[in-house]
Amino acid sequence: MKDTTQSHSMMHLPADHAVAMPAYIERSHLVVQDLPTVSAWYRRILGLAPIETSASGETLGVAGRPLLTLTTDSSAAKAPRSAPGLFHNAILVPDRQELGRWLAHAAQSGIHLQGASDHRVSEAIYLADPEGNGIEVYRDRPRAEWTYKPDGTVEMSTLPLDLQTLYDEVPKDGWSGLAAGTTIGHIHLQVSDIPQADAFFRDALGFDLMARYPGASFFASGKYHHHVAANVWNSRGASKRQGNMTGLSDYTIRLRDRERLAAMVQKLEELDIAVSKEGDIHSLIDPWGIGVKLAA
């Protein structure tokens, strides 16, 4: 079943899409305190549909592609804002029209937006779920419009995004959820140290460093602008995430080929980062206590 979902959901994506790269973020897993409320919110506001349910939670997605697993744990303590973990899950929609259609839906639903930015490579709208987990809904500009520097990094900025113009461009009716082809484009993490993030994502996992902001690094595969970002804006010097916290439990990096996965696992083991294997999934805990799953 899973393999069909995989191939079916990959069919219509352009060759330079975030999830067509050699490695990409496939899905994210949040621990929440109030599963019914949070699940209903993701269904209503993002239009995610249930794909699998289990005793402890459920997996939601778009057009059969799993994007977000929600589980609940009665012993889970609310993670402090300064804890390492999720800054936001970034939901990538196919184009500007889909971003505008979602914006019109959010406006009609009375959703409080936290911000909106033009990053040169993308246009992004920010909000949070009922338990404060950050979300970015964005669309990529065509790669031909991106500016790469001589060192191979990409130019990104944070400019204001004109939401009124975006809103005015689209029809205001008939929204029934995010369009097929919607994926997780990237995940943005809170970590406690940037040199440590560079060592983990670039040196251990083999992602390219694509951009730096003050207090943040952006990493990617295949020259995408970023599949993973790490910042210390709220969490500089914070101690490791505890296992019983709400928020980001783990996320999955999927690789296009098994050789690359094997090389990644070998590199992690050389660095004395413990990796366990169950079925086709390799699991580890990053330097900040966040779970990472690797699959090919």
Protein backbone atom coordinates (compact mmCIF):
# COMPACT_ATOMS: atom_id res chain seq x y z
CA MET A 1 0.00 0.00 0.00
CA LYS A 2 2.70 2.45 1.02
CA ASP A 3 4.71 1.99 -2.16
CA THR A 4 1.74 2.83 -4.36
CA THR A 5 1.12 5.98 -2.34
CA GLN A 6 4.77 6.87 -2.81
CA SER A 7 4.82 6.43 -6.58
CA HIS A 8 1.31 7.78 -7.12
CA SER A 9 2.06 10.95 -5.17
CA MET A 10 5.38 11.52 -6.98
CA MET A 11 3.88 11.38 -10.46
CA HIS A 12 2.99 14.98 -11.20
CA LEU A 13 5.82 16.84 -9.48
CA PRO A 14 8.31 18.87 -11.54
CA ALA A 15 11.93 17.62 -11.69
CA ASP A 16 13.21 20.54 -9.59
CA HIS A 17 10.55 20.16 -6.88
CA ALA A 18 11.66 20.00 -3.22
CA VAL A 19 10.73 16.32 -2.92
CA ALA A 20 12.31 15.34 -6.25
CA MET A 21 15.76 16.02 -4.78
CA PRO A 22 18.25 13.29 -3.71
CA ALA A 23 17.07 13.76 -0.09
CA TYR A 24 13.94 15.49 1.18
CA ILE A 25 11.65 15.81 4.19
CA GLU A 26 8.81 13.33 3.83
CA ARG A 27 6.75 13.75 6.98
CA SER A 28 6.67 15.14 10.50
CA HIS A 29 5.39 13.73 13.81
CA LEU A 30 3.97 15.93 16.57
CA VAL A 31 2.97 14.95 20.10
CA VAL A 32 -0.11 16.90 21.18
CA GLN A 33 -2.13 17.15 24.39
CA ASP A 34 -5.59 17.42 22.81
CA LEU A 35 -5.65 15.12 19.80
CA PRO A 36 -9.31 15.65 18.75
CA THR A 37 -8.99 19.45 18.78
CA VAL A 38 -5.65 19.57 16.97
CA SER A 39 -6.68 16.95 14.40
CA ALA A 40 -9.96 18.76 13.66
CA TRP A 41 -8.00 21.99 13.20
CA TYR A 42 -5.60 20.47 10.65
CA ARG A 43 -8.51 18.97 8.76
CA ARG A 44 -10.55 22.18 8.72
CA ILE A 45 -7.82 24.81 8.31
CA LEU A 46 -5.29 22.97 6.14
CA GLY A 47 -7.72 20.49 4.62
CA LEU A 48 -5.53 17.51 5.51
CA ALA A 49 -7.33 14.16 5.28
CA PRO A 50 -6.86 11.15 7.57
CA ILE A 51 -4.77 8.38 6.00
CA GLU A 52 -4.10 6.01 8.92
CA THR A 53 -5.38 5.87 12.49
CA SER A 54 -3.91 3.99 15.43
CA ALA A 55 -4.66 3.67 19.12
CA SER A 56 -2.41 6.60 20.00
CA GLY A 57 -3.05 8.91 17.07
CA GLU A 58 -3.41 9.37 13.34
CA THR A 59 -1.60 10.30 10.16
CA LEU A 60 -2.97 13.09 7.96
CA GLY A 61 -2.04 14.03 4.43
CA VAL A 62 -3.02 15.25 0.99
CA ALA A 63 -4.12 13.01 -1.91
CA GLY A 64 -2.87 9.89 -0.13
CA ARG A 65 0.56 11.35 0.68
CA PRO A 66 1.24 11.16 4.46
CA LEU A 67 2.53 14.50 5.76
CA LEU A 68 1.78 14.76 9.46
CA THR A 69 1.41 12.21 12.24
CA LEU A 70 -0.30 13.38 15.43
CA THR A 71 -0.06 11.29 18.57
CA THR A 72 -1.15 12.05 22.08
CA ASP A 73 0.50 11.17 25.37
CA SER A 74 -1.24 11.88 28.67
CA SER A 75 2.13 12.28 30.40
CA ALA A 76 3.47 14.78 27.83
CA ALA A 77 4.46 18.11 29.35
CA LYS A 78 4.02 21.32 27.35
CA ALA A 79 7.38 22.14 25.79
CA PRO A 80 8.70 25.57 26.80
CA ARG A 81 9.08 28.07 23.95
CA SER A 82 12.86 27.97 24.43
CA ALA A 83 13.14 24.17 24.04
CA PRO A 84 14.81 22.70 20.96
CA GLY A 85 12.21 21.28 18.58
CA LEU A 86 9.89 22.66 15.93
CA PHE A 87 10.05 26.21 14.65
CA HIS A 88 7.64 25.29 11.85
CA ASN A 89 6.52 22.54 9.50
CA ALA A 90 6.48 24.05 6.01
CA ILE A 91 3.67 22.94 3.72
CA LEU A 92 4.58 23.48 0.06
CA VAL A 93 1.62 24.09 -2.29
CA PRO A 94 1.96 23.69 -6.06
CA ASP A 95 1.71 27.35 -7.13
CA ARG A 96 0.77 30.93 -6.27
CA GLN A 97 -2.89 30.37 -7.08
CA GLU A 98 -3.09 27.53 -4.54
CA LEU A 99 -1.40 29.75 -1.95
CA GLY A 100 -3.97 32.46 -2.64
CA ARG A 101 -6.87 30.00 -2.48
CA TRP A 102 -5.65 28.78 0.91
CA LEU A 103 -5.23 32.40 2.08
CA ALA A 104 -8.86 33.18 1.12
CA HIS A 105 -10.00 30.08 3.03
CA ALA A 106 -7.95 31.10 6.09
CA ALA A 107 -9.40 34.61 5.95
CA GLN A 108 -12.96 33.26 5.74
CA SER A 109 -12.20 30.90 8.65
CA GLY A 110 -11.04 33.80 10.82
CA ILE A 111 -7.56 32.36 11.28
CA HIS A 112 -4.97 34.57 12.94
CA LEU A 113 -1.88 34.75 10.71
CA GLN A 114 1.47 35.41 12.35
CA GLY A 115 3.12 36.89 9.29
CA ALA A 116 3.76 36.71 5.55
CA SER A 117 7.07 37.03 3.74
CA ASP A 118 8.57 37.14 0.28
CA HIS A 119 11.85 35.22 0.57
CA ARG A 120 12.85 35.80 -3.11
CA VAL A 121 12.88 32.02 -3.67
CA SER A 122 9.38 31.60 -2.21
CA GLU A 123 6.28 33.32 -0.85
CA ALA A 124 5.25 32.22 2.63
CA ILE A 125 2.42 32.67 5.13
CA TYR A 126 2.92 31.81 8.81
CA LEU A 127 0.51 30.64 11.51
CA ALA A 128 0.36 28.21 14.44
CA ASP A 129 -1.88 25.28 15.34
CA PRO A 130 -4.00 25.32 18.55
CA GLU A 131 -1.04 24.05 20.64
CA GLY A 132 1.41 26.58 19.23
CA ASN A 133 3.20 24.36 16.70
CA GLY A 134 4.44 26.63 13.92
CA ILE A 135 3.29 26.20 10.33
CA GLU A 136 4.43 27.83 7.11
CA VAL A 137 2.26 27.51 4.00
CA TYR A 138 4.30 28.51 0.96
CA ARG A 139 4.87 28.29 -2.76
CA ASP A 140 8.22 28.26 -4.54
CA ARG A 141 9.11 30.70 -7.26
CA PRO A 142 10.47 28.97 -10.39
CA ARG A 143 14.16 28.13 -9.93
CA ALA A 144 15.03 30.28 -12.96
CA GLU A 145 14.10 33.26 -10.74
CA TRP A 146 16.41 32.23 -7.88
CA THR A 147 19.83 33.87 -7.59
CA TYR A 148 22.72 31.56 -6.76
CA LYS A 149 25.95 33.11 -5.50
CA PRO A 150 29.39 32.06 -6.82
CA ASP A 151 29.89 29.84 -3.72
CA GLY A 152 26.73 27.86 -4.58
CA THR A 153 24.54 29.33 -1.84
CA VAL A 154 21.21 30.94 -2.71
CA GLU A 155 20.02 34.48 -2.09
CA MET A 156 17.12 34.61 0.36
CA SER A 157 15.61 37.64 2.09
CA THR A 158 12.66 38.38 4.30
CA LEU A 159 10.60 41.01 2.52
CA PRO A 160 6.92 41.80 3.15
CA LEU A 161 4.42 39.76 1.13
CA ASP A 162 1.42 41.70 -0.18
CA LEU A 163 -1.43 39.51 1.07
CA GLN A 164 -4.15 41.79 -0.27
CA THR A 165 -2.93 41.40 -3.86
CA LEU A 166 -2.60 37.64 -3.40
CA TYR A 167 -6.13 37.49 -1.94
CA ASP A 168 -7.58 39.60 -4.74
CA GLU A 169 -6.14 37.34 -7.46
CA VAL A 170 -8.05 34.19 -6.60
CA PRO A 171 -11.62 32.85 -6.58
CA LYS A 172 -13.15 32.86 -3.09
CA ASP A 173 -15.29 29.74 -3.24
CA GLY A 174 -15.09 26.00 -3.46
CA TRP A 175 -11.96 25.42 -1.37
CA SER A 176 -11.98 21.76 -0.41
CA GLY A 177 -8.48 21.26 0.93
CA LEU A 178 -4.92 21.62 -0.26
CA ALA A 179 -4.34 20.57 -3.87
CA ALA A 180 -2.83 17.23 -4.90
CA GLY A 181 0.93 17.70 -5.19
CA THR A 182 1.09 19.48 -1.81
CA THR A 183 4.05 18.19 0.23
CA ILE A 184 6.22 19.07 3.17
CA GLY A 185 8.78 21.31 1.50
CA HIS A 186 11.04 21.78 4.51
CA ILE A 187 11.20 21.67 8.27
CA HIS A 188 12.54 24.53 10.38
CA LEU A 189 13.99 23.59 13.77
CA GLN A 190 14.95 25.32 16.97
CA VAL A 191 18.41 24.19 18.09
CA SER A 192 20.78 25.40 20.78
CA ASP A 193 23.94 26.02 18.75
CA ILE A 194 24.57 26.88 15.07
CA PRO A 195 28.11 25.43 14.70
CA GLN A 196 26.67 22.20 16.13
CA ALA A 197 23.82 22.36 13.56
CA ASP A 198 26.34 22.85 10.74
CA ALA A 199 28.31 19.84 12.02
CA PHE A 200 25.17 17.67 12.14
CA PHE A 201 23.27 18.60 8.97
CA ARG A 202 26.20 19.43 6.70
CA ASP A 203 29.03 17.23 7.95
CA ALA A 204 27.14 14.21 9.35
CA LEU A 205 24.03 14.07 7.13
CA GLY A 206 25.69 15.51 4.03
CA PHE A 207 23.29 18.35 3.23
CA ASP A 208 24.70 21.46 1.51
CA LEU A 209 24.74 24.71 3.48
CA MET A 210 22.58 26.93 1.25
CA ALA A 211 22.22 30.16 3.25
CA ARG A 212 22.95 31.81 6.57
CA TYR A 213 20.97 34.41 8.48
CA PRO A 214 22.04 35.83 11.85
CA GLY A 215 21.41 32.89 14.21
CA ALA A 216 20.26 30.46 11.50
CA SER A 217 21.60 28.04 8.88
CA PHE A 218 19.70 26.59 5.90
CA PHE A 219 20.56 23.15 4.49
CA ALA A 220 19.41 21.33 1.36
CA SER A 221 19.90 18.55 -1.11
CA GLY A 222 19.95 19.10 -4.89
CA LYS A 223 20.48 22.88 -4.60
CA TYR A 224 16.97 23.45 -3.22
CA HIS A 225 16.81 26.59 -1.04
CA HIS A 226 16.39 24.52 2.12
CA HIS A 227 15.02 21.19 3.26
CA VAL A 228 16.06 21.86 6.86
CA ALA A 229 16.63 25.14 8.66
CA ALA A 230 18.01 25.47 12.18
CA ASN A 231 17.88 28.61 14.31
CA VAL A 232 18.74 29.69 17.86
CA TRP A 233 16.38 32.68 18.00
CA ASN A 234 14.39 31.34 20.98
CA SER A 235 16.62 28.44 21.99
CA ARG A 236 20.27 29.54 22.07
CA GLY A 237 22.18 27.45 24.62
CA ALA A 238 19.03 25.49 25.60
CA SER A 239 19.46 22.05 27.10
CA LYS A 240 18.36 18.94 25.22
CA ARG A 241 14.72 18.31 24.51
CA GLN A 242 13.09 15.91 26.97
CA GLY A 243 11.43 12.74 25.69
CA ASN A 244 8.05 13.52 27.24
CA MET A 245 7.53 16.97 25.72
CA THR A 246 4.76 18.06 23.37
CA GLY A 247 5.73 19.29 19.93
CA LEU A 248 8.09 17.71 17.43
CA SER A 249 8.77 14.07 18.25
CA ASP A 250 10.56 13.21 15.01
CA TYR A 251 10.63 13.80 11.27
CA THR A 252 11.53 11.60 8.30
CA ILE A 253 14.22 12.28 5.70
CA ARG A 254 13.70 10.16 2.59
CA LEU A 255 16.58 9.46 0.23
CA ARG A 256 16.26 8.60 -3.44
CA ASP A 257 18.75 5.74 -3.34
CA ARG A 258 19.84 3.12 -0.84
CA GLU A 259 23.56 3.72 -1.43
CA ARG A 260 23.21 7.30 -0.22
CA LEU A 261 21.30 6.07 2.84
CA ALA A 262 23.97 3.47 3.60
CA ALA A 263 26.71 6.13 3.31
CA MET A 264 24.76 8.46 5.62
CA VAL A 265 24.29 5.74 8.24
CA GLN A 266 27.98 4.80 8.02
CA LYS A 267 29.01 8.45 8.51
CA LEU A 268 26.72 8.75 11.56
CA GLU A 269 28.22 5.60 13.07
CA GLU A 270 31.76 6.91 12.46
CA LEU A 271 30.75 10.01 14.44
CA ASP A 272 29.44 7.78 17.29
CA ILE A 273 25.81 8.82 16.68
CA ALA A 274 23.73 5.75 17.51
CA VAL A 275 21.42 4.56 14.73
CA SER A 276 18.84 1.80 15.20
CA LYS A 277 17.07 -0.04 12.40
CA GLU A 278 13.51 -1.32 12.26
CA GLY A 279 12.33 -2.63 8.90
CA ASP A 280 13.48 -0.11 6.29
CA ILE A 281 13.66 2.80 8.74
CA HIS A 282 16.87 3.94 10.44
CA SER A 283 16.26 6.05 13.56
CA LEU A 284 18.47 8.34 15.60
CA ILE A 285 18.22 11.18 18.09
CA ASP A 286 19.88 14.41 17.03
CA PRO A 287 22.18 16.49 19.29
CA TRP A 288 19.14 18.41 20.63
CA GLY A 289 16.94 15.42 21.49
CA ILE A 290 14.79 15.48 18.32
CA GLY A 291 14.09 12.16 16.59
CA VAL A 292 15.21 11.71 12.98
CA LYS A 293 14.14 8.82 10.74
CA LEU A 294 16.03 7.97 7.57
CA ALA A 295 14.45 5.93 4.78
CA ALA A 296 15.13 5.12 1.13
